[in-house]
Protein backbone atom coordinates (compact mmCIF):
# COMPACT_ATOMS: atom_id res chain seq x y z
CA UNK A 1 -167.08 -214.10 143.10
CA UNK A 2 -164.97 -211.66 141.53
CA UNK A 3 -163.35 -209.13 143.86
CA UNK A 4 -160.21 -206.98 144.16
CA UNK A 5 -158.06 -205.93 147.04
CA UNK A 6 -157.23 -202.18 147.20
CA UNK A 7 -158.03 -201.15 143.42
CA UNK A 8 -158.44 -204.00 140.67
CA UNK A 9 -155.29 -205.18 133.37
CA UNK A 10 -155.42 -206.73 128.63
CA UNK A 11 -153.70 -209.83 126.27
CA UNK A 12 -150.09 -210.06 122.77
CA UNK A 13 -149.09 -211.65 119.54
CA UNK A 14 -146.04 -210.40 117.26
CA UNK A 15 -147.29 -209.08 113.95
CA UNK A 16 -145.29 -208.95 110.68
CA UNK A 17 -145.12 -205.19 110.92
CA UNK A 18 -146.01 -203.78 114.26
CA UNK A 19 -145.87 -200.43 115.96
CA UNK A 20 -142.63 -199.74 118.64
CA UNK A 21 -143.16 -201.07 121.96
CA UNK A 22 -143.64 -197.62 123.23
CA UNK A 23 -146.42 -196.51 120.74
CA UNK A 24 -148.30 -199.75 121.33
CA UNK A 25 -148.10 -199.33 125.38
CA UNK A 26 -149.54 -195.83 124.86
CA UNK A 27 -152.56 -196.54 122.74
CA UNK A 28 -153.24 -199.78 124.77
CA UNK A 29 -153.36 -197.30 128.00
CA UNK A 30 -155.35 -194.93 125.86
CA UNK A 31 -158.07 -197.85 125.15
CA UNK A 32 -158.16 -199.19 128.35
CA UNK A 33 -158.96 -195.33 129.73
CA UNK A 34 -161.52 -194.59 127.13
CA UNK A 35 -163.12 -198.08 128.20
CA UNK A 36 -163.28 -197.24 131.86
CA UNK A 37 -164.63 -193.65 131.07
CA UNK A 38 -167.70 -195.19 129.20
CA UNK A 39 -168.81 -196.74 131.98
CA UNK A 40 -168.35 -194.17 134.79
CA UNK A 41 -171.61 -193.47 136.03
CA UNK A 42 -173.35 -196.01 134.23
CA UNK A 43 -174.96 -199.34 135.62
CA UNK A 44 -172.66 -202.39 134.52
CA UNK A 45 -173.81 -205.51 133.19
CA UNK A 46 -173.29 -209.04 134.92
CA UNK A 47 -169.80 -209.96 133.92
CA UNK A 48 -168.92 -206.97 132.59
CA UNK A 49 -166.98 -205.59 135.71
CA UNK A 50 -166.26 -206.89 139.12
CA UNK A 51 -168.94 -208.25 141.49
CA UNK A 52 -166.91 -206.81 144.58
CA UNK A 53 -164.22 -204.01 144.90
CA UNK A 54 -162.85 -204.18 148.48
CA UNK A 55 -160.26 -201.74 149.77
CA UNK A 56 -158.37 -202.40 153.25
CA UNK A 57 -158.19 -199.79 155.50
CA UNK A 58 -155.58 -199.81 158.63
CA UNK A 59 -157.94 -198.59 161.06
CA UNK A 60 -161.68 -196.94 161.59
CA UNK A 61 -160.79 -193.29 161.19
CA UNK A 62 -159.16 -194.24 157.71
CA UNK A 63 -162.34 -196.76 156.99
CA UNK A 64 -164.49 -193.70 157.37
CA UNK A 65 -162.00 -191.38 155.52
CA UNK A 66 -162.62 -194.25 152.47
CA UNK A 67 -166.57 -194.66 152.86
CA UNK A 68 -166.80 -191.07 152.38
CA UNK A 69 -164.86 -190.60 149.54
CA UNK A 70 -166.36 -193.11 147.69
CA UNK A 71 -169.96 -191.94 148.46
CA UNK A 72 -168.81 -188.93 146.86
CA UNK A 73 -167.57 -190.69 143.94
CA UNK A 74 -170.62 -192.43 143.28
CA UNK A 75 -172.60 -189.34 143.72
CA UNK A 76 -170.77 -187.65 141.38
CA UNK A 77 -171.13 -190.57 138.83
CA UNK A 78 -167.16 -191.04 138.68
CA UNK A 79 -167.25 -194.79 139.54
CA UNK A 80 -169.40 -197.96 137.37
CA UNK A 81 -172.30 -198.22 139.58
CA UNK A 82 -174.09 -201.30 140.39
CA UNK A 83 -171.03 -203.02 142.13
CA UNK A 84 -170.63 -203.52 145.82
CA UNK A 85 -167.67 -201.11 147.03
CA UNK A 86 -166.62 -202.46 150.54
CA UNK A 87 -164.17 -201.15 152.86
CA UNK A 88 -162.86 -203.45 155.35
CA UNK A 89 -160.79 -202.31 158.40
CA UNK A 90 -157.58 -204.13 159.58
CA UNK A 91 -158.61 -206.14 163.10
CA UNK A 92 -157.09 -204.97 166.25
CA UNK A 93 -153.47 -206.40 166.72
CA UNK A 94 -150.60 -206.88 164.24
CA UNK A 95 -151.08 -204.83 161.22
CA UNK A 96 -150.59 -205.39 157.62
CA UNK A 97 -151.08 -202.22 156.35
CA UNK A 98 -149.21 -198.78 157.44
CA UNK A 99 -149.57 -195.20 156.96
CA UNK A 100 -147.80 -194.44 154.09
CA UNK A 101 -144.70 -192.75 155.95
CA UNK A 102 -142.59 -192.52 152.74
CA UNK A 103 -145.60 -190.59 150.79
CA UNK A 104 -147.06 -188.70 154.08
CA UNK A 105 -149.66 -186.59 152.06
CA UNK A 106 -151.27 -189.99 151.48
CA UNK A 107 -151.49 -191.07 154.93
CA UNK A 108 -154.65 -189.22 156.12
CA UNK A 109 -157.07 -190.17 153.09
CA UNK A 110 -155.49 -193.13 152.13
CA UNK A 111 -152.92 -194.11 149.03
CA UNK A 112 -155.61 -195.76 147.10
CA UNK A 113 -156.87 -192.10 146.77
CA UNK A 114 -153.89 -190.49 145.81
CA UNK A 115 -154.63 -187.73 143.14
CA UNK A 116 -153.49 -187.91 139.78
CA UNK A 117 -152.57 -185.32 136.98
CA UNK A 118 -155.03 -186.76 135.01
CA UNK A 119 -158.76 -186.38 133.95
CA UNK A 120 -161.47 -183.60 134.36
CA UNK A 121 -162.50 -184.26 137.12
CA UNK A 122 -159.12 -185.46 138.69
CA UNK A 123 -158.72 -189.17 138.54
CA UNK A 124 -157.43 -191.26 141.91
CA UNK A 125 -155.30 -194.23 142.12
CA UNK A 126 -158.57 -195.93 142.61
CA UNK A 127 -159.91 -195.09 139.17
CA UNK A 128 -156.92 -195.91 137.32
CA UNK A 129 -156.55 -199.16 138.80
CA UNK A 130 -160.03 -199.72 137.76
CA UNK A 131 -159.22 -198.46 134.37
CA UNK A 132 -156.21 -200.26 133.72
CA UNK A 133 -157.67 -203.73 134.65
CA UNK A 134 -160.95 -203.13 132.91
CA UNK A 135 -160.55 -206.27 130.76
CA UNK A 136 -159.64 -208.71 133.33
CA UNK A 137 -163.49 -209.39 134.95
CA UNK A 138 -164.63 -211.17 131.69
CA UNK A 139 -161.87 -213.53 131.45
CA UNK A 140 -161.55 -214.73 134.74
CA UNK A 141 -162.98 -217.69 136.70
CA UNK A 142 -164.32 -216.81 140.03
CA UNK A 143 -161.80 -215.51 142.39
CA UNK A 144 -159.98 -212.62 143.72
CA UNK A 145 -157.59 -210.26 142.41
CA UNK A 146 -155.12 -208.94 144.87
CA UNK A 147 -153.25 -205.50 143.89
CA UNK A 148 -151.23 -202.63 145.99
CA UNK A 149 -152.72 -199.10 146.08
CA UNK A 150 -149.36 -197.56 144.99
CA UNK A 151 -148.22 -198.40 141.74
CA UNK A 152 -148.99 -198.49 138.08
CA UNK A 153 -148.88 -201.29 135.87
CA UNK A 154 -148.83 -200.49 131.74
CA UNK A 155 -149.02 -203.30 129.31
CA UNK A 156 -149.65 -204.14 125.49
CA UNK A 157 -150.58 -207.10 123.95
CA UNK A 158 -152.00 -208.55 120.90
CA UNK A 159 -155.06 -207.03 119.46
CA UNK A 160 -157.02 -210.29 119.64
CA UNK A 161 -155.64 -211.28 123.06
CA UNK A 162 -156.69 -211.09 126.67
CA UNK A 163 -155.17 -212.25 129.98
CA UNK A 164 -156.82 -215.16 131.10
CA UNK A 165 -157.30 -216.18 134.92
CA UNK A 166 -158.66 -219.56 134.53
CA UNK A 167 -155.93 -221.80 135.73
CA UNK A 168 -156.30 -223.53 139.19
CA UNK A 169 -153.92 -222.11 142.26
CA UNK A 170 -152.71 -218.80 141.88
CA UNK A 171 -151.76 -216.51 138.89
CA UNK A 172 -149.43 -213.52 138.72
CA UNK A 173 -148.26 -211.06 136.25
CA UNK A 174 -144.66 -210.50 135.75
CA UNK A 175 -142.72 -207.92 134.12
CA UNK A 176 -139.18 -207.95 132.54
CA UNK A 177 -136.89 -205.54 134.93
CA UNK A 178 -133.21 -204.93 135.78
CA UNK A 179 -131.59 -206.94 138.60
CA UNK A 180 -131.39 -204.00 140.42
CA UNK A 181 -135.22 -203.59 140.39
CA UNK A 182 -135.36 -207.22 141.46
CA UNK A 183 -134.05 -206.53 144.91
CA UNK A 184 -136.82 -204.79 145.99
CA UNK A 185 -139.50 -206.91 144.62
CA UNK A 186 -140.44 -210.28 143.95
CA UNK A 187 -139.21 -212.23 141.28
CA UNK A 188 -140.37 -215.34 139.71
CA UNK A 189 -138.03 -218.28 139.20
CA UNK A 190 -139.70 -219.86 135.91
CA UNK A 191 -139.94 -223.18 134.32
CA UNK A 192 -137.65 -223.59 131.23
CA UNK A 193 -139.47 -222.36 128.03
CA UNK A 194 -139.20 -223.75 124.72
CA UNK A 195 -139.96 -220.89 122.74
CA UNK A 196 -137.03 -219.03 121.87
CA UNK A 197 -138.81 -215.94 120.65
CA UNK A 198 -140.31 -213.51 123.47
CA UNK A 199 -143.92 -212.62 122.69
CA UNK A 200 -145.74 -209.72 124.34
CA UNK A 201 -148.09 -212.18 126.03
CA UNK A 202 -146.72 -215.55 127.44
CA UNK A 203 -148.21 -217.85 130.04
CA UNK A 204 -145.45 -219.62 131.69
CA UNK A 205 -145.20 -222.06 135.05
CA UNK A 206 -143.50 -220.65 137.97
CA UNK A 207 -140.58 -223.21 139.76
CA UNK A 208 -140.57 -220.88 142.90
CA UNK A 209 -140.88 -217.49 144.16
CA UNK A 210 -138.24 -214.99 145.53
CA UNK A 211 -139.04 -212.15 147.64
CA UNK A 212 -136.80 -209.51 147.59
CA UNK A 213 -133.68 -211.32 146.76
CA UNK A 214 -130.43 -210.50 146.26
CA UNK A 215 -128.57 -210.16 143.06
CA UNK A 216 -126.24 -213.29 143.94
CA UNK A 217 -129.64 -215.21 144.63
CA UNK A 218 -131.05 -214.55 141.37
CA UNK A 219 -128.31 -216.11 139.83
CA UNK A 220 -128.40 -219.21 142.46
CA UNK A 221 -131.91 -219.86 141.44
CA UNK A 222 -131.90 -219.48 137.92
CA UNK A 223 -134.31 -216.55 138.10
CA UNK A 224 -131.83 -214.35 135.37
CA UNK A 225 -132.61 -214.26 131.59
CA UNK A 226 -131.70 -212.44 128.55
CA UNK A 227 -133.64 -209.33 127.78
CA UNK A 228 -135.48 -210.21 124.41
CA UNK A 229 -135.88 -206.26 123.77
CA UNK A 230 -136.30 -202.73 125.31
CA UNK A 231 -138.22 -203.31 128.41
CA UNK A 232 -138.90 -202.03 131.87
CA UNK A 233 -137.23 -198.49 133.21
CA UNK A 234 -135.76 -198.12 136.71
CA UNK A 235 -135.92 -195.63 138.91
CA UNK A 236 -132.93 -194.81 141.04
CA UNK A 237 -132.78 -191.51 142.84
CA UNK A 238 -134.23 -189.50 140.08
CA UNK A 239 -132.46 -191.32 137.18
CA UNK A 240 -133.67 -193.39 134.42
CA UNK A 241 -131.79 -196.03 133.16
CA UNK A 242 -133.41 -198.21 130.48
CA UNK A 243 -132.72 -201.84 129.93
CA UNK A 244 -130.86 -202.37 126.94
CA UNK A 245 -131.06 -205.43 124.06
CA UNK A 246 -129.47 -208.31 125.47
CA UNK A 247 -129.04 -207.39 129.10
CA UNK A 248 -129.64 -209.21 132.31
CA UNK A 249 -133.19 -209.22 133.36
CA UNK A 250 -135.45 -211.04 135.92
CA UNK A 251 -139.46 -211.18 135.93
CA UNK A 252 -140.82 -209.22 138.79
CA UNK A 253 -144.34 -209.31 140.17
CA UNK A 254 -146.98 -206.73 140.72
CA UNK A 255 -150.35 -208.05 141.33
CA UNK A 256 -151.85 -211.49 141.31
CA UNK A 257 -154.84 -213.70 141.29
CA UNK A 258 -156.24 -216.50 143.89
CA UNK A 259 -158.86 -218.99 142.48
CA UNK A 260 -162.11 -219.38 144.38
CA UNK A 261 -160.88 -222.74 145.83
CA UNK A 262 -157.63 -221.20 146.84
CA UNK A 263 -159.28 -218.16 148.42
CA UNK A 264 -161.47 -220.33 150.68
CA UNK A 265 -158.77 -222.47 151.66
CA UNK A 266 -157.26 -219.53 153.41
CA UNK A 267 -160.85 -218.13 154.52
CA UNK A 268 -160.96 -221.59 156.55
CA UNK A 269 -157.39 -221.29 157.81
CA UNK A 270 -158.25 -217.76 159.18
CA UNK A 271 -161.02 -218.79 160.61
CA UNK A 272 -159.92 -222.08 162.35
CA UNK A 273 -156.82 -219.54 163.79
CA UNK A 274 -158.72 -216.50 165.15
CA UNK A 275 -157.01 -213.33 165.35
CA UNK A 276 -153.93 -213.04 163.83
CA UNK A 277 -150.96 -211.98 166.43
CA UNK A 278 -148.66 -211.35 163.75
CA UNK A 279 -147.78 -209.39 160.45
CA UNK A 280 -148.73 -211.66 157.52
CA UNK A 281 -147.78 -210.38 154.18
CA UNK A 282 -150.06 -211.57 151.07
CA UNK A 283 -146.89 -211.37 148.42
CA UNK A 284 -144.11 -212.86 150.79
CA UNK A 285 -146.12 -215.07 152.93
CA UNK A 286 -148.29 -216.49 150.25
CA UNK A 287 -146.48 -216.47 146.84
CA UNK A 288 -142.97 -218.27 148.74
CA UNK A 289 -144.93 -221.33 149.60
CA UNK A 290 -145.96 -221.66 145.95
CA UNK A 291 -144.73 -223.89 143.00
CA UNK A 292 -142.88 -227.46 143.00
CA UNK A 293 -139.69 -225.36 144.06
CA UNK A 294 -140.87 -223.90 147.25
CA UNK A 295 -139.02 -224.65 150.31
CA UNK A 296 -139.54 -223.75 154.16
CA UNK A 297 -136.40 -221.74 154.76
CA UNK A 298 -138.10 -218.43 153.96
CA UNK A 299 -140.23 -218.74 156.96
CA UNK A 300 -137.01 -217.62 158.99
CA UNK A 301 -135.84 -214.95 157.09
CA UNK A 302 -137.59 -211.98 159.07
CA UNK A 303 -135.29 -209.34 157.51
CA UNK A 304 -138.29 -207.49 155.39
CA UNK A 305 -140.69 -207.90 158.34
CA UNK A 306 -142.09 -204.40 159.74
CA UNK A 307 -142.24 -205.84 163.34
CA UNK A 308 -141.27 -209.72 164.27
CA UNK A 309 -143.48 -211.11 166.83
CA UNK A 310 -143.05 -214.46 168.35
CA UNK A 311 -145.38 -216.66 166.47
CA UNK A 312 -144.26 -215.13 163.38
CA UNK A 313 -141.95 -218.36 161.91
CA UNK A 314 -144.67 -220.59 163.06
CA UNK A 315 -147.50 -219.09 161.30
CA UNK A 316 -145.54 -218.81 158.20
CA UNK A 317 -144.61 -222.32 158.65
CA UNK A 318 -148.06 -223.09 158.60
CA UNK A 319 -149.22 -220.94 155.75
CA UNK A 320 -146.45 -222.68 153.65
CA UNK A 321 -147.84 -226.26 154.71
CA UNK A 322 -151.42 -225.12 153.77
CA UNK A 323 -150.09 -223.75 150.35
CA UNK A 324 -147.15 -226.52 149.64
CA UNK A 325 -148.40 -228.05 146.35
CA UNK A 326 -150.32 -225.23 145.03
CA UNK A 327 -149.29 -223.92 141.70
CA UNK A 328 -148.01 -220.50 140.61
CA UNK A 329 -149.15 -219.49 137.30
CA UNK A 330 -147.33 -216.62 135.70
CA UNK A 331 -148.70 -214.04 133.00
CA UNK A 332 -145.57 -212.59 131.54
CA UNK A 333 -146.07 -209.36 129.78
CA UNK A 334 -142.86 -208.39 127.80
CA UNK A 335 -144.17 -205.02 126.81
CA UNK A 336 -145.11 -203.56 129.99
CA UNK A 337 -143.89 -201.15 132.45
CA UNK A 338 -144.20 -201.10 136.51
CA UNK A 339 -144.51 -198.08 137.95
CA UNK A 340 -143.86 -197.65 141.70
CA UNK A 341 -145.36 -194.20 143.49
CA UNK A 342 -144.76 -194.90 146.69
CA UNK A 343 -142.57 -192.45 148.07
CA UNK A 344 -141.61 -188.42 148.03
CA UNK A 345 -139.08 -188.95 145.20
CA UNK A 346 -140.95 -191.49 142.81
CA UNK A 347 -144.00 -188.84 143.32
CA UNK A 348 -142.22 -186.15 142.11
CA UNK A 349 -140.46 -187.53 139.42
CA UNK A 350 -142.99 -189.52 137.48
CA UNK A 351 -145.33 -186.44 137.66
CA UNK A 352 -143.00 -183.70 136.89
CA UNK A 353 -140.13 -185.29 135.30
CA UNK A 354 -140.53 -188.25 133.29
CA UNK A 355 -142.03 -188.01 130.00
CA UNK A 356 -142.99 -191.73 129.38
CA UNK A 357 -145.48 -192.13 131.95
CA UNK A 358 -146.66 -188.62 131.08
CA UNK A 359 -147.00 -189.93 127.25
CA UNK A 360 -148.56 -193.34 128.19
CA UNK A 361 -151.48 -192.20 130.33
CA UNK A 362 -151.59 -188.70 128.92
CA UNK A 363 -150.76 -186.87 132.25
CA UNK A 364 -151.32 -183.14 132.13
CA UNK A 365 -149.05 -180.13 133.99
CA UNK A 366 -152.55 -178.25 135.30
CA UNK A 367 -155.51 -180.60 136.00
CA UNK A 368 -158.89 -179.31 136.75
CA UNK A 369 -157.38 -176.24 138.92
CA UNK A 370 -157.33 -172.46 138.04
CA UNK A 371 -154.07 -171.26 137.50
CA UNK A 372 -153.27 -168.96 134.50
CA UNK A 373 -149.48 -169.93 134.29
CA UNK A 374 -148.47 -172.40 131.53
CA UNK A 375 -145.31 -175.00 132.11
CA UNK A 376 -142.33 -173.17 129.92
CA UNK A 377 -141.07 -176.24 128.47
CA UNK A 378 -141.64 -179.93 127.43
CA UNK A 379 -139.15 -181.41 129.96
CA UNK A 380 -139.41 -180.98 133.43
CA UNK A 381 -142.40 -179.06 134.81
CA UNK A 382 -144.52 -178.17 138.03
CA UNK A 383 -147.76 -180.23 138.51
CA UNK A 384 -150.80 -178.50 139.67
CA UNK A 385 -154.07 -180.73 140.93
CA UNK A 386 -157.66 -179.59 141.90
CA UNK A 387 -155.88 -176.43 143.26
CA UNK A 388 -156.45 -172.99 142.99
CA UNK A 389 -153.58 -170.43 142.46
CA UNK A 390 -153.53 -166.62 142.42
CA UNK A 391 -152.32 -165.38 138.98
CA UNK A 392 -149.15 -163.52 140.68
CA UNK A 393 -148.10 -167.20 142.04
CA UNK A 394 -144.94 -168.64 140.98
CA UNK A 395 -144.38 -172.81 140.99
CA UNK A 396 -140.63 -173.92 140.17
CA UNK A 397 -140.16 -176.97 137.72
CA UNK A 398 -140.41 -180.59 139.86
CA UNK A 399 -142.84 -179.40 142.45
CA UNK A 400 -146.41 -180.82 142.90
CA UNK A 401 -149.09 -178.91 144.39
CA UNK A 402 -152.71 -180.57 145.20
CA UNK A 403 -155.71 -179.55 146.65
CA UNK A 404 -154.45 -176.45 147.89
CA UNK A 405 -154.89 -172.77 147.63
CA UNK A 406 -152.01 -170.46 147.24
CA UNK A 407 -152.59 -166.49 147.49
CA UNK A 408 -150.77 -163.74 145.84
CA UNK A 409 -146.94 -163.79 145.30
CA UNK A 410 -146.84 -167.24 146.98
CA UNK A 411 -143.43 -168.60 145.79
CA UNK A 412 -142.92 -172.52 145.51
CA UNK A 413 -139.16 -173.74 144.82
CA UNK A 414 -137.98 -176.46 142.97
CA UNK A 415 -139.26 -180.17 144.02
CA UNK A 416 -141.85 -179.42 146.79
CA UNK A 417 -144.94 -180.94 147.35
CA UNK A 418 -147.95 -178.80 149.01
CA UNK A 419 -151.08 -180.92 149.72
CA UNK A 420 -154.17 -179.63 151.53
CA UNK A 421 -152.79 -176.11 152.33
CA UNK A 422 -153.85 -172.79 152.02
CA UNK A 423 -150.67 -170.54 151.98
CA UNK A 424 -150.80 -166.83 152.20
CA UNK A 425 -147.27 -165.73 153.69
CA UNK A 426 -144.98 -164.32 150.92
CA UNK A 427 -142.18 -165.81 152.38
CA UNK A 428 -140.78 -168.18 149.66
CA UNK A 429 -141.32 -171.96 150.26
CA UNK A 430 -137.04 -173.63 150.29
CA UNK A 431 -136.50 -176.33 147.21
CA UNK A 432 -137.47 -179.81 148.42
CA UNK A 433 -139.91 -178.53 151.11
CA UNK A 434 -142.71 -181.28 152.24
CA UNK A 435 -145.52 -179.49 153.09
CA UNK A 436 -149.21 -180.78 154.03
CA UNK A 437 -152.02 -179.86 156.38
CA UNK A 438 -154.79 -181.71 158.23
CA UNK A 439 -157.56 -180.92 160.09
CA UNK A 440 -157.90 -181.93 163.41
CA UNK A 441 -160.96 -182.53 165.78
CA UNK A 442 -159.74 -181.67 169.47
CA UNK A 443 -161.79 -181.62 171.91
CA UNK A 444 -164.57 -181.09 169.82
CA UNK A 445 -162.90 -178.15 168.21
CA UNK A 446 -161.69 -177.67 164.99
CA UNK A 447 -157.79 -177.14 164.72
CA UNK A 448 -155.05 -177.70 161.89
CA UNK A 449 -151.85 -178.70 162.00
CA UNK A 450 -149.15 -178.87 159.22
CA UNK A 451 -146.52 -181.31 158.78
CA UNK A 452 -143.50 -179.63 157.00
CA UNK A 453 -139.83 -181.25 156.37
CA UNK A 454 -137.72 -182.00 153.39
CA UNK A 455 -138.90 -184.24 150.56
CA UNK A 456 -135.56 -186.52 151.46
CA UNK A 457 -136.12 -186.77 155.09
CA UNK A 458 -136.26 -190.21 156.30
CA UNK A 459 -139.35 -190.13 158.65
CA UNK A 460 -139.41 -193.84 159.16
CA UNK A 461 -135.75 -193.66 160.31
CA UNK A 462 -135.57 -194.03 164.49
CA UNK A 463 -133.16 -194.00 167.38
CA UNK A 464 -134.13 -196.12 170.69
CA UNK A 465 -132.71 -193.23 173.13
CA UNK A 466 -132.93 -189.54 173.27
CA UNK A 467 -129.27 -189.58 173.31
CA UNK A 468 -129.00 -190.86 169.90
CA UNK A 469 -131.60 -188.20 168.17
CA UNK A 470 -128.61 -186.66 167.02
CA UNK A 471 -128.44 -189.20 164.32
CA UNK A 472 -131.99 -188.09 162.85
CA UNK A 473 -131.87 -185.30 160.44
CA UNK A 474 -134.46 -182.64 159.54
CA UNK A 475 -134.43 -180.76 156.03
CA UNK A 476 -130.87 -182.14 156.32
CA UNK A 477 -129.89 -180.81 159.26
CA UNK A 478 -128.82 -182.47 162.77
CA UNK A 479 -132.15 -182.82 164.43
CA UNK A 480 -130.57 -181.55 167.88
CA UNK A 481 -129.71 -178.17 166.18
CA UNK A 482 -133.24 -177.77 164.82
CA UNK A 483 -134.33 -178.55 168.52
CA UNK A 484 -132.10 -175.36 169.27
CA UNK A 485 -133.57 -173.38 166.84
CA UNK A 486 -137.20 -174.24 168.06
CA UNK A 487 -136.16 -173.65 171.80
CA UNK A 488 -137.44 -177.23 172.49
CA UNK A 489 -136.17 -179.52 174.96
CA UNK A 490 -134.84 -182.94 174.56
CA UNK A 491 -137.25 -184.99 177.21
CA UNK A 492 -139.38 -187.81 176.63
CA UNK A 493 -142.47 -185.71 176.24
CA UNK A 494 -141.12 -184.49 172.89
CA UNK A 495 -141.92 -187.89 171.46
CA UNK A 496 -145.38 -189.63 171.21
CA UNK A 497 -146.06 -193.69 171.10
CA UNK A 498 -143.04 -195.99 172.09
CA UNK A 499 -140.31 -194.15 173.82
CA UNK A 500 -137.55 -196.60 172.50
CA UNK A 501 -138.81 -196.18 169.09
CA UNK A 502 -137.83 -192.04 168.31
CA UNK A 503 -138.29 -190.64 164.80
CA UNK A 504 -139.38 -187.44 163.03
CA UNK A 505 -142.65 -189.53 162.64
CA UNK A 506 -142.91 -189.46 166.70
CA UNK A 507 -141.39 -185.70 167.13
CA UNK A 508 -143.86 -183.45 168.66
CA UNK A 509 -142.90 -180.30 166.56
CA UNK A 510 -145.57 -179.18 164.79
CA UNK A 511 -148.06 -176.29 165.89
CA UNK A 512 -151.86 -176.68 166.63
CA UNK A 513 -153.39 -173.47 165.14
CA UNK A 514 -157.10 -172.37 164.82
CA UNK A 515 -156.88 -171.92 160.91
CA UNK A 516 -155.86 -173.38 158.42
CA UNK A 517 -153.68 -170.65 156.87
CA UNK A 518 -152.09 -170.22 160.28
CA UNK A 519 -150.85 -173.54 160.63
CA UNK A 520 -149.27 -173.28 157.32
CA UNK A 521 -147.41 -170.00 158.23
CA UNK A 522 -146.46 -171.17 161.36
CA UNK A 523 -145.06 -174.71 159.93
CA UNK A 524 -143.17 -172.77 157.11
CA UNK A 525 -141.61 -170.47 159.66
CA UNK A 526 -140.08 -173.02 161.62
CA UNK A 527 -139.03 -174.49 158.50
CA UNK A 528 -137.43 -171.26 157.29
CA UNK A 529 -135.82 -171.01 160.49
CA UNK A 530 -133.96 -174.11 160.35
CA UNK A 531 -133.22 -173.16 156.86
CA UNK A 532 -131.71 -169.77 157.61
CA UNK A 533 -130.45 -170.61 161.04
CA UNK A 534 -132.72 -167.95 162.82
CA UNK A 535 -134.56 -168.80 166.19
CA UNK A 536 -138.11 -169.20 165.94
CA UNK A 537 -139.82 -170.49 169.31
CA UNK A 538 -142.38 -173.11 169.47
CA UNK A 539 -143.26 -173.32 173.29
CA UNK A 540 -146.26 -170.84 172.96
CA UNK A 541 -148.03 -173.97 170.63
CA UNK A 542 -149.50 -176.94 171.41
CA UNK A 543 -147.62 -179.44 169.29
CA UNK A 544 -148.16 -182.56 167.96
CA UNK A 545 -146.10 -185.32 165.83
CA UNK A 546 -147.22 -186.71 162.78
CA UNK A 547 -148.56 -189.56 164.47
CA UNK A 548 -150.67 -187.97 166.98
CA UNK A 549 -152.02 -185.68 163.79
CA UNK A 550 -153.45 -188.83 162.28
CA UNK A 551 -155.20 -189.78 165.60
CA UNK A 552 -157.06 -186.55 165.68
CA UNK A 553 -157.44 -185.95 161.90
CA UNK A 554 -160.91 -185.07 161.09
CA UNK A 555 -161.72 -186.93 157.80
CA UNK A 556 -164.83 -184.58 157.21
CA UNK A 557 -163.76 -181.36 156.73
CA UNK A 558 -160.45 -182.75 154.82
CA UNK A 559 -163.10 -183.84 152.33
CA UNK A 560 -165.21 -180.86 152.51
CA UNK A 561 -162.59 -178.68 152.27
CA UNK A 562 -161.62 -180.58 148.82
CA UNK A 563 -165.24 -180.23 147.82
CA UNK A 564 -165.05 -177.03 148.30
CA UNK A 565 -161.95 -176.35 145.84
CA UNK A 566 -163.75 -178.98 143.16
CA UNK A 567 -166.84 -176.77 143.41
CA UNK A 568 -164.97 -173.33 142.89
CA UNK A 569 -163.19 -174.89 139.94
CA UNK A 570 -166.26 -176.81 138.29
CA UNK A 571 -168.24 -173.53 138.53
CA UNK A 572 -165.18 -171.61 137.08
CA UNK A 573 -165.26 -173.88 134.26
CA UNK A 574 -168.47 -174.29 133.68
CA UNK A 575 -168.75 -177.96 134.57
CA UNK A 576 -172.21 -177.71 136.06
């Protein structure tokens, strides 16, 4: 069995006269996109593509959303046919998945269905994953490939080489990265290597795997090496710092493969223990147990755990002893890039400002949309994805508009994210605004609510008591001050869910309305009230938190809204 979780890569040799790394990377990426496009809508031959594509969902409503979106894609022939596409919902209890709190426009319909400024019609992350891994299945022994939904891996290797997944145990891809990037990823401690000359593709053995280590630990465990040439780029608060010649670097993780024997061993273990009562991470808890240098100490480190359960350490130790002695093979890709697009800042930067990713993937400023405007420069631009904008609209550089309608004279400031909305108000959207609308099903009636805040707001930051909510910030303003502006009282009813975990995610501050445009208008008024320090009472509205909006979400209506925009753009573009 070959399979993939959440999404589903090619192979390099040195040549006498070779293209610059960035050129070969771009050409290799475009070749994969072309190869995938030729398979879309066609029945694939055995061994040509994946047997099974498996996507995990956090709950039953997300499962429904995934299945409906997959059905639409297959109907439009946007995916290869003759493949089993499955969605598996997390069992009840401890969750291994989240709700994209750092990129909330992906919360309702899923990160794997995040729209990209690419293709006609648009690619979503699922299609890009399938395209970038297009060469894998035909060079892979039976097993499972595991990947995340919010990253992009690009690589270039020799023309006649391929990445092979044919060794026993686990095989992981490794990318040269700065030590700073290593602190937020998995880092490989590789066994000594005799070849002094780096090649684009190297097969190495891993001594041990470090999960989000400190820089001190990277040096302590001999994970640091000298970079042979230009490699990975760093994203740090909107700034890019390239790794320079001969700088210290580490090899960080992205996706990994487990052979059929290892997968069956883990399945038998799961069936033996029954329902999991704690969060187990496929990267941190599986990979840290592998390699001859693995030790049991990591099982007691819970610093990266979302929610610590009493049986966590014991379960980790059982997994460690189960996997101990299993090999971890590493495919080193020295001419590769790893892009993480899991936060609002990363999303805005890579879609509007980063010329490298734009060049490598062929990203567009206006994708499958109706908008007569064109970017004024080749640098930082706006990004419009499957949307319809009036000719009198203005969108400032650095902003992304997806699956939305913008009426006459709507003005969007810099570095905004607008998703699933219908904006008719002429009041300007302040710079750094995040606006995302959801359809809701409440008491069998269709309603709408729009979350609006600042793109730099930390929705995950929480406090334990009402007296501490002054430490929360909404659009850079003390949350207590915002409540005064909206004429809301500080009570336990102000927050949904766990009353000892109070955050912007659980704050009941977003109005429920009968129409999509009314919900956007109401939420923009509360946003502008904070920005302008002018009162706007929310007392007359029913209010929901983002947490509750996701509980009430009407997946079918949101997909229908996207479909309406799709059909209108298609008709205007003569695609039907």
